[in-house]
Amino acid sequence: MSGLAAVLFDMDGTLVDTEVLWWRSTERIARGLGHELTDADAPEVVGRAVEDTAAHLVRVSGGGDPSEVGRELTADFFRAVEAGAPMRPGAQRLLTALEAHGVPFALVSASPRLVVDSVVGGSLAHVPFAFTLSADDTDRTKPHPDPYRSAAERFGADVRDCVAVEDSPDGAASAEAAGCRVLVVPSLLEVPPSPVRTFARSLEEVTPELLRSCLGGGVPRQDRPGSQAVRPSSSTTPST
């Protein structure tokens, strides 16, 4: 490994505060299928691709067509992000610092291209991403390694010299399977530790130096007090 080649950012719940919007969209569609979303559904919703969540809703409700449910989820989520997707605390400062240090970065999302373009054209319009990847740009999306492998290839970089910044178990698993080191900033779901994962409580405490240090190995969660995430609840994902 020759140093930090690139930083690969997840979008929902990492750079922008959209995981709650996704939960609310899923909640609305689930209710239409006769299913009330609870914390037990969270692992099949938070950080998951549209088709995975759609399949889950069809399975637990016993009705609906996965493709149609997926289209409804995408349309509802798109309307929500079009109304505004605020950046997460510390995101702007970190992106500015990376640009100043000459560290390239890209967006690697499990959201559909429609949603990614809406956010990148809105709250992230000023961010100089080298490129963006959506769920539509690879054969398989997270938790498979394809998105992060593709991103490293587009940079012409060794994936082992790239650090992924993620907030969810599926996202972290995708990046790790691809060969990235992973900086985890949890949002709605707890992310389990691993030897290649470093944990931070917020992007506000992340610096280019911390990202470079990730290449040397992960920092166990217990070494970073207070970094454990909370599961969705009525206080973090209120019903609509």
Foldseek 3Di string as FASTA:
>chain_A
DPFAQAEEEEDDQAFWPQQLVLVQLLQVLLVVLVDHDDLVCQVQGGQDALLSVLVVSCVVSVDDDSVVSSVSSLVSSQVVCLVDIHTFPLNVVALVQCVVVVHAYEYQYAYDPSNVCSCCVPNVVPRPHPYYHYNVRFPHHWLAQTRLLVVCVVSVHDLLSYEYEEADQRVCNNSVNVNYQYEYQHEAAFHADDFRYAYEPGSNPDHPVVRRCSSVTYDHPVVHPPRGYHHDDCVSNNHD
